[in-house]
Amino acid sequence: MSNEVALALVAASTFPGFLCYICTAAMANSLPGQIISGVAKGIPIPIEWRWRLLYQRWVYYVGAGIGVSLVVAVFNFKVAGLAADGGVQAVAYLVAFLAALVATGWLLSSISELAYFRRTLKETTND
């Protein structure tokens, strides 16, 4: 694969992947306040709806963010393997490593957040 094609593929996967990640992160980060407090735009939310927000919105948004990051990582690992020049390979491996790091970080932090949300909602349900 030529250097130009390899760099174009890295850019073509990185920029849309980054925009998808930013959008899903923004959507996922808008929900914790509603899930924990039980209030959205000044209106109380029933506990059933808070559980739905957790499992039918927040988990999907986090999963999409992790998935997009993994797709970018795998794609760039493949591009790096096909690139002819060592410098282009280094750029592709760097982008792949950073995308994998983002996916790993978000996966680990979301596990602890999910446990916290579940514990808080269970305590609210028991009250």
N, C-alpha and C. Protein backbone atom coordinates (compact mmCIF):
# COMPACT_ATOMS: atom_id res chain seq x y z
N MET A 1 0.86 -1.17 0.00
CA MET A 1 0.00 0.00 0.00
C MET A 1 0.91 1.23 0.00
N SER A 2 0.53 2.22 -0.79
CA SER A 2 1.34 3.44 -0.85
C SER A 2 1.16 4.27 0.42
N ASN A 3 2.13 5.13 0.66
CA ASN A 3 2.09 5.97 1.86
C ASN A 3 0.90 6.91 1.85
N GLU A 4 0.59 7.45 0.68
CA GLU A 4 -0.53 8.40 0.59
C GLU A 4 -1.86 7.72 0.91
N VAL A 5 -2.04 6.53 0.37
CA VAL A 5 -3.28 5.79 0.64
C VAL A 5 -3.36 5.41 2.12
N ALA A 6 -2.26 4.97 2.69
CA ALA A 6 -2.25 4.59 4.11
C ALA A 6 -2.58 5.79 4.99
N LEU A 7 -1.97 6.95 4.72
CA LEU A 7 -2.28 8.14 5.52
C LEU A 7 -3.72 8.60 5.32
N ALA A 8 -4.22 8.48 4.09
CA ALA A 8 -5.62 8.85 3.85
C ALA A 8 -6.57 7.93 4.61
N LEU A 9 -6.24 6.64 4.68
CA LEU A 9 -7.07 5.71 5.43
C LEU A 9 -7.02 5.99 6.93
N VAL A 10 -5.85 6.34 7.42
CA VAL A 10 -5.74 6.71 8.84
C VAL A 10 -6.61 7.92 9.14
N ALA A 11 -6.51 8.94 8.28
CA ALA A 11 -7.32 10.15 8.49
C ALA A 11 -8.80 9.85 8.32
N ALA A 12 -9.14 9.01 7.32
CA ALA A 12 -10.55 8.70 7.06
C ALA A 12 -11.19 7.91 8.19
N SER A 13 -10.40 7.18 8.94
CA SER A 13 -10.98 6.45 10.08
C SER A 13 -10.92 7.26 11.36
N THR A 14 -9.90 8.07 11.51
CA THR A 14 -9.70 8.79 12.77
C THR A 14 -10.68 9.92 12.97
N PHE A 15 -10.85 10.78 11.98
CA PHE A 15 -11.69 11.96 12.18
C PHE A 15 -13.17 11.63 12.36
N PRO A 16 -13.77 10.79 11.51
CA PRO A 16 -15.17 10.42 11.79
C PRO A 16 -15.31 9.63 13.09
N GLY A 17 -14.34 8.77 13.37
CA GLY A 17 -14.38 8.02 14.63
C GLY A 17 -14.31 8.93 15.83
N PHE A 18 -13.46 9.97 15.75
CA PHE A 18 -13.35 10.93 16.84
C PHE A 18 -14.66 11.69 17.02
N LEU A 19 -15.28 12.11 15.92
CA LEU A 19 -16.55 12.83 16.03
C LEU A 19 -17.64 11.95 16.60
N CYS A 20 -17.71 10.69 16.19
CA CYS A 20 -18.69 9.76 16.77
C CYS A 20 -18.44 9.57 18.25
N TYR A 21 -17.18 9.44 18.61
CA TYR A 21 -16.84 9.26 20.03
C TYR A 21 -17.25 10.49 20.84
N ILE A 22 -16.96 11.68 20.35
CA ILE A 22 -17.32 12.91 21.06
C ILE A 22 -18.83 13.00 21.24
N CYS A 23 -19.58 12.68 20.20
CA CYS A 23 -21.05 12.75 20.29
C CYS A 23 -21.60 11.73 21.29
N THR A 24 -21.11 10.50 21.24
CA THR A 24 -21.62 9.51 22.19
C THR A 24 -21.18 9.83 23.61
N ALA A 25 -19.98 10.38 23.77
CA ALA A 25 -19.53 10.77 25.11
C ALA A 25 -20.41 11.89 25.66
N ALA A 26 -20.75 12.85 24.82
CA ALA A 26 -21.62 13.95 25.28
C ALA A 26 -22.99 13.43 25.68
N MET A 27 -23.54 12.52 24.89
CA MET A 27 -24.86 11.97 25.22
C MET A 27 -24.79 11.14 26.51
N ALA A 28 -23.75 10.33 26.66
CA ALA A 28 -23.62 9.51 27.87
C ALA A 28 -23.40 10.37 29.10
N ASN A 29 -22.64 11.44 28.97
CA ASN A 29 -22.35 12.30 30.11
C ASN A 29 -23.51 13.21 30.49
N SER A 30 -24.52 13.30 29.65
CA SER A 30 -25.68 14.13 29.99
C SER A 30 -26.68 13.39 30.89
N LEU A 31 -26.55 12.08 31.02
CA LEU A 31 -27.54 11.29 31.75
C LEU A 31 -27.27 11.04 33.23
N PRO A 32 -26.03 10.97 33.71
CA PRO A 32 -25.83 10.61 35.12
C PRO A 32 -26.57 11.50 36.11
N GLY A 33 -26.66 12.77 35.87
CA GLY A 33 -27.37 13.65 36.79
C GLY A 33 -28.84 13.27 36.91
N GLN A 34 -29.44 12.93 35.78
CA GLN A 34 -30.85 12.52 35.79
C GLN A 34 -31.03 11.17 36.46
N ILE A 35 -30.10 10.26 36.22
CA ILE A 35 -30.21 8.92 36.81
C ILE A 35 -30.06 8.99 38.32
N ILE A 36 -29.10 9.76 38.80
CA ILE A 36 -28.83 9.82 40.24
C ILE A 36 -29.86 10.69 40.97
N SER A 37 -30.12 11.89 40.46
CA SER A 37 -31.00 12.81 41.19
C SER A 37 -32.48 12.49 41.00
N GLY A 38 -32.83 11.92 39.86
CA GLY A 38 -34.23 11.65 39.60
C GLY A 38 -34.99 12.87 39.14
N VAL A 39 -34.29 13.87 38.64
CA VAL A 39 -34.92 15.09 38.17
C VAL A 39 -34.37 15.43 36.80
N ALA A 40 -35.28 15.69 35.85
CA ALA A 40 -34.88 16.11 34.50
C ALA A 40 -35.61 17.39 34.15
N LYS A 41 -34.88 18.45 33.93
CA LYS A 41 -35.46 19.76 33.59
C LYS A 41 -36.48 20.20 34.63
N GLY A 42 -36.18 19.92 35.89
CA GLY A 42 -37.03 20.34 36.98
C GLY A 42 -38.24 19.44 37.24
N ILE A 43 -38.36 18.37 36.50
CA ILE A 43 -39.49 17.45 36.64
C ILE A 43 -38.99 16.14 37.26
N PRO A 44 -39.63 15.67 38.34
CA PRO A 44 -39.21 14.40 38.94
C PRO A 44 -39.42 13.23 37.98
N ILE A 45 -38.48 12.30 38.01
CA ILE A 45 -38.54 11.11 37.16
C ILE A 45 -38.83 9.90 38.04
N PRO A 46 -39.82 9.07 37.67
CA PRO A 46 -40.09 7.86 38.46
C PRO A 46 -38.89 6.90 38.43
N ILE A 47 -38.77 6.07 39.42
CA ILE A 47 -37.63 5.16 39.54
C ILE A 47 -37.55 4.21 38.35
N GLU A 48 -38.70 3.79 37.81
CA GLU A 48 -38.69 2.89 36.66
C GLU A 48 -38.03 3.56 35.45
N TRP A 49 -38.32 4.82 35.28
CA TRP A 49 -37.74 5.56 34.16
C TRP A 49 -36.24 5.76 34.37
N ARG A 50 -35.81 5.94 35.61
CA ARG A 50 -34.38 6.07 35.88
C ARG A 50 -33.63 4.79 35.54
N TRP A 51 -34.24 3.63 35.84
CA TRP A 51 -33.62 2.36 35.44
C TRP A 51 -33.56 2.26 33.92
N ARG A 52 -34.62 2.70 33.26
CA ARG A 52 -34.61 2.69 31.79
C ARG A 52 -33.54 3.61 31.24
N LEU A 53 -33.40 4.78 31.81
CA LEU A 53 -32.34 5.70 31.36
C LEU A 53 -30.97 5.03 31.48
N LEU A 54 -30.80 4.29 32.56
CA LEU A 54 -29.52 3.63 32.77
C LEU A 54 -29.27 2.56 31.71
N TYR A 55 -30.22 1.66 31.53
CA TYR A 55 -29.98 0.50 30.67
C TYR A 55 -30.33 0.73 29.20
N GLN A 56 -31.25 1.63 28.90
CA GLN A 56 -31.64 1.82 27.51
C GLN A 56 -31.05 3.08 26.89
N ARG A 57 -30.35 3.87 27.65
CA ARG A 57 -29.68 5.04 27.09
C ARG A 57 -28.20 5.02 27.44
N TRP A 58 -27.91 5.12 28.72
CA TRP A 58 -26.51 5.28 29.13
C TRP A 58 -25.64 4.11 28.69
N VAL A 59 -26.09 2.88 28.91
CA VAL A 59 -25.30 1.71 28.54
C VAL A 59 -25.10 1.67 27.03
N TYR A 60 -26.11 2.00 26.26
CA TYR A 60 -25.98 2.00 24.80
C TYR A 60 -25.00 3.07 24.33
N TYR A 61 -25.08 4.25 24.92
CA TYR A 61 -24.16 5.32 24.52
C TYR A 61 -22.71 4.94 24.85
N VAL A 62 -22.49 4.41 26.02
CA VAL A 62 -21.14 4.00 26.41
C VAL A 62 -20.67 2.87 25.50
N GLY A 63 -21.53 1.92 25.24
CA GLY A 63 -21.17 0.82 24.34
C GLY A 63 -20.82 1.31 22.95
N ALA A 64 -21.57 2.29 22.46
CA ALA A 64 -21.26 2.85 21.14
C ALA A 64 -19.91 3.56 21.15
N GLY A 65 -19.63 4.30 22.19
CA GLY A 65 -18.32 4.97 22.28
C GLY A 65 -17.17 4.00 22.32
N ILE A 66 -17.33 2.93 23.09
CA ILE A 66 -16.30 1.90 23.16
C ILE A 66 -16.18 1.20 21.81
N GLY A 67 -17.30 0.89 21.21
CA GLY A 67 -17.29 0.21 19.91
C GLY A 67 -16.61 1.02 18.82
N VAL A 68 -16.92 2.31 18.75
CA VAL A 68 -16.29 3.18 17.75
C VAL A 68 -14.79 3.23 17.98
N SER A 69 -14.37 3.35 19.22
CA SER A 69 -12.94 3.39 19.51
C SER A 69 -12.25 2.09 19.12
N LEU A 70 -12.90 0.97 19.36
CA LEU A 70 -12.32 -0.32 18.98
C LEU A 70 -12.24 -0.48 17.47
N VAL A 71 -13.25 -0.02 16.75
CA VAL A 71 -13.23 -0.10 15.29
C VAL A 71 -12.07 0.72 14.74
N VAL A 72 -11.90 1.93 15.26
CA VAL A 72 -10.79 2.78 14.81
C VAL A 72 -9.46 2.10 15.13
N ALA A 73 -9.34 1.51 16.30
CA ALA A 73 -8.09 0.84 16.69
C ALA A 73 -7.78 -0.33 15.77
N VAL A 74 -8.75 -1.20 15.56
CA VAL A 74 -8.52 -2.39 14.72
C VAL A 74 -8.21 -1.97 13.28
N PHE A 75 -8.96 -1.02 12.77
CA PHE A 75 -8.74 -0.56 11.39
C PHE A 75 -7.33 -0.02 11.23
N ASN A 76 -6.88 0.80 12.17
CA ASN A 76 -5.55 1.39 12.04
C ASN A 76 -4.44 0.37 12.28
N PHE A 77 -4.68 -0.64 13.10
CA PHE A 77 -3.70 -1.73 13.21
C PHE A 77 -3.55 -2.45 11.87
N LYS A 78 -4.67 -2.66 11.16
CA LYS A 78 -4.60 -3.29 9.84
C LYS A 78 -3.87 -2.39 8.84
N VAL A 79 -4.17 -1.10 8.86
CA VAL A 79 -3.49 -0.17 7.96
C VAL A 79 -1.99 -0.15 8.24
N ALA A 80 -1.62 -0.16 9.51
CA ALA A 80 -0.20 -0.16 9.86
C ALA A 80 0.50 -1.40 9.34
N GLY A 81 -0.18 -2.52 9.38
CA GLY A 81 0.41 -3.75 8.87
C GLY A 81 0.59 -3.75 7.37
N LEU A 82 -0.23 -2.97 6.66
CA LEU A 82 -0.15 -2.93 5.20
C LEU A 82 0.69 -1.78 4.67
N ALA A 83 1.02 -0.82 5.51
CA ALA A 83 1.79 0.35 5.06
C ALA A 83 3.22 -0.05 4.73
N ALA A 84 3.78 0.64 3.74
CA ALA A 84 5.13 0.31 3.27
C ALA A 84 6.20 1.05 4.06
N ASP A 85 5.94 2.27 4.44
CA ASP A 85 6.94 3.11 5.10
C ASP A 85 6.86 2.98 6.61
N GLY A 86 8.01 2.98 7.28
CA GLY A 86 8.05 2.87 8.73
C GLY A 86 7.41 4.05 9.44
N GLY A 87 7.55 5.25 8.89
CA GLY A 87 6.94 6.43 9.50
C GLY A 87 5.43 6.37 9.45
N VAL A 88 4.90 5.93 8.32
CA VAL A 88 3.45 5.80 8.18
C VAL A 88 2.94 4.70 9.11
N GLN A 89 3.70 3.62 9.22
CA GLN A 89 3.33 2.56 10.16
C GLN A 89 3.29 3.09 11.59
N ALA A 90 4.27 3.92 11.94
CA ALA A 90 4.32 4.48 13.29
C ALA A 90 3.10 5.34 13.57
N VAL A 91 2.70 6.15 12.59
CA VAL A 91 1.52 7.01 12.77
C VAL A 91 0.27 6.15 12.94
N ALA A 92 0.13 5.13 12.10
CA ALA A 92 -1.06 4.26 12.19
C ALA A 92 -1.08 3.50 13.52
N TYR A 93 0.08 3.00 13.94
CA TYR A 93 0.13 2.30 15.23
C TYR A 93 -0.17 3.25 16.40
N LEU A 94 0.31 4.49 16.30
CA LEU A 94 0.03 5.47 17.36
C LEU A 94 -1.46 5.75 17.46
N VAL A 95 -2.11 5.97 16.32
CA VAL A 95 -3.55 6.23 16.33
C VAL A 95 -4.30 5.00 16.85
N ALA A 96 -3.87 3.82 16.44
CA ALA A 96 -4.52 2.59 16.91
C ALA A 96 -4.33 2.42 18.42
N PHE A 97 -3.14 2.68 18.89
CA PHE A 97 -2.88 2.56 20.33
C PHE A 97 -3.73 3.54 21.12
N LEU A 98 -3.81 4.79 20.66
CA LEU A 98 -4.61 5.79 21.38
C LEU A 98 -6.09 5.43 21.37
N ALA A 99 -6.59 4.92 20.26
CA ALA A 99 -7.99 4.51 20.20
C ALA A 99 -8.25 3.33 21.14
N ALA A 100 -7.33 2.39 21.18
CA ALA A 100 -7.48 1.25 22.09
C ALA A 100 -7.40 1.71 23.54
N LEU A 101 -6.55 2.68 23.81
CA LEU A 101 -6.43 3.23 25.16
C LEU A 101 -7.73 3.92 25.58
N VAL A 102 -8.33 4.66 24.68
CA VAL A 102 -9.62 5.31 24.96
C VAL A 102 -10.68 4.26 25.25
N ALA A 103 -10.75 3.22 24.43
CA ALA A 103 -11.75 2.16 24.64
C ALA A 103 -11.54 1.47 25.98
N THR A 104 -10.30 1.19 26.31
CA THR A 104 -10.00 0.52 27.59
C THR A 104 -10.34 1.42 28.77
N GLY A 105 -9.95 2.67 28.68
CA GLY A 105 -10.25 3.60 29.77
C GLY A 105 -11.73 3.78 29.99
N TRP A 106 -12.47 3.92 28.89
CA TRP A 106 -13.90 4.11 29.04
C TRP A 106 -14.58 2.83 29.53
N LEU A 107 -14.10 1.69 29.09
CA LEU A 107 -14.66 0.43 29.57
C LEU A 107 -14.47 0.28 31.08
N LEU A 108 -13.27 0.53 31.55
CA LEU A 108 -13.00 0.38 32.99
C LEU A 108 -13.77 1.40 33.83
N SER A 109 -13.79 2.64 33.38
CA SER A 109 -14.52 3.65 34.16
C SER A 109 -16.03 3.42 34.11
N SER A 110 -16.53 2.93 32.98
CA SER A 110 -17.97 2.71 32.89
C SER A 110 -18.43 1.54 33.75
N ILE A 111 -17.55 0.58 33.97
CA ILE A 111 -17.91 -0.53 34.87
C ILE A 111 -18.13 0.00 36.29
N SER A 112 -17.23 0.86 36.75
CA SER A 112 -17.40 1.41 38.10
C SER A 112 -18.59 2.36 38.16
N GLU A 113 -18.81 3.13 37.11
CA GLU A 113 -19.98 4.02 37.08
C GLU A 113 -21.27 3.22 37.09
N LEU A 114 -21.32 2.15 36.31
CA LEU A 114 -22.52 1.32 36.27
C LEU A 114 -22.81 0.73 37.65
N ALA A 115 -21.77 0.27 38.33
CA ALA A 115 -21.96 -0.27 39.69
C ALA A 115 -22.49 0.81 40.63
N TYR A 116 -21.96 2.02 40.51
CA TYR A 116 -22.43 3.13 41.36
C TYR A 116 -23.89 3.47 41.05
N PHE A 117 -24.24 3.56 39.77
CA PHE A 117 -25.62 3.87 39.40
C PHE A 117 -26.57 2.79 39.92
N ARG A 118 -26.20 1.53 39.74
CA ARG A 118 -27.06 0.44 40.22
C ARG A 118 -27.24 0.49 41.73
N ARG A 119 -26.15 0.72 42.45
CA ARG A 119 -26.23 0.78 43.91
C ARG A 119 -27.13 1.94 44.34
N THR A 120 -26.97 3.08 43.72
CA THR A 120 -27.78 4.25 44.07
C THR A 120 -29.26 4.01 43.76
N LEU A 121 -29.55 3.43 42.62
CA LEU A 121 -30.95 3.17 42.27
C LEU A 121 -31.56 2.10 43.16
N LYS A 122 -30.79 1.10 43.55
CA LYS A 122 -31.32 0.09 44.48
C LYS A 122 -31.62 0.69 45.84
N GLU A 123 -30.73 1.57 46.32
CA GLU A 123 -30.98 2.25 47.59
C GLU A 123 -32.21 3.12 47.52
N THR A 124 -32.41 3.78 46.39
CA THR A 124 -33.59 4.62 46.22
C THR A 124 -34.85 3.76 46.17
N THR A 125 -34.77 2.63 45.53
CA THR A 125 -35.92 1.72 45.45
C THR A 125 -36.27 1.15 46.81
N ASN A 126 -35.28 0.89 47.65
CA ASN A 126 -35.52 0.33 48.99
C ASN A 126 -36.05 1.36 49.97
N ASP A 127 -35.87 2.64 49.69
CA ASP A 127 -36.35 3.68 50.62
C ASP A 127 -37.85 3.80 50.62
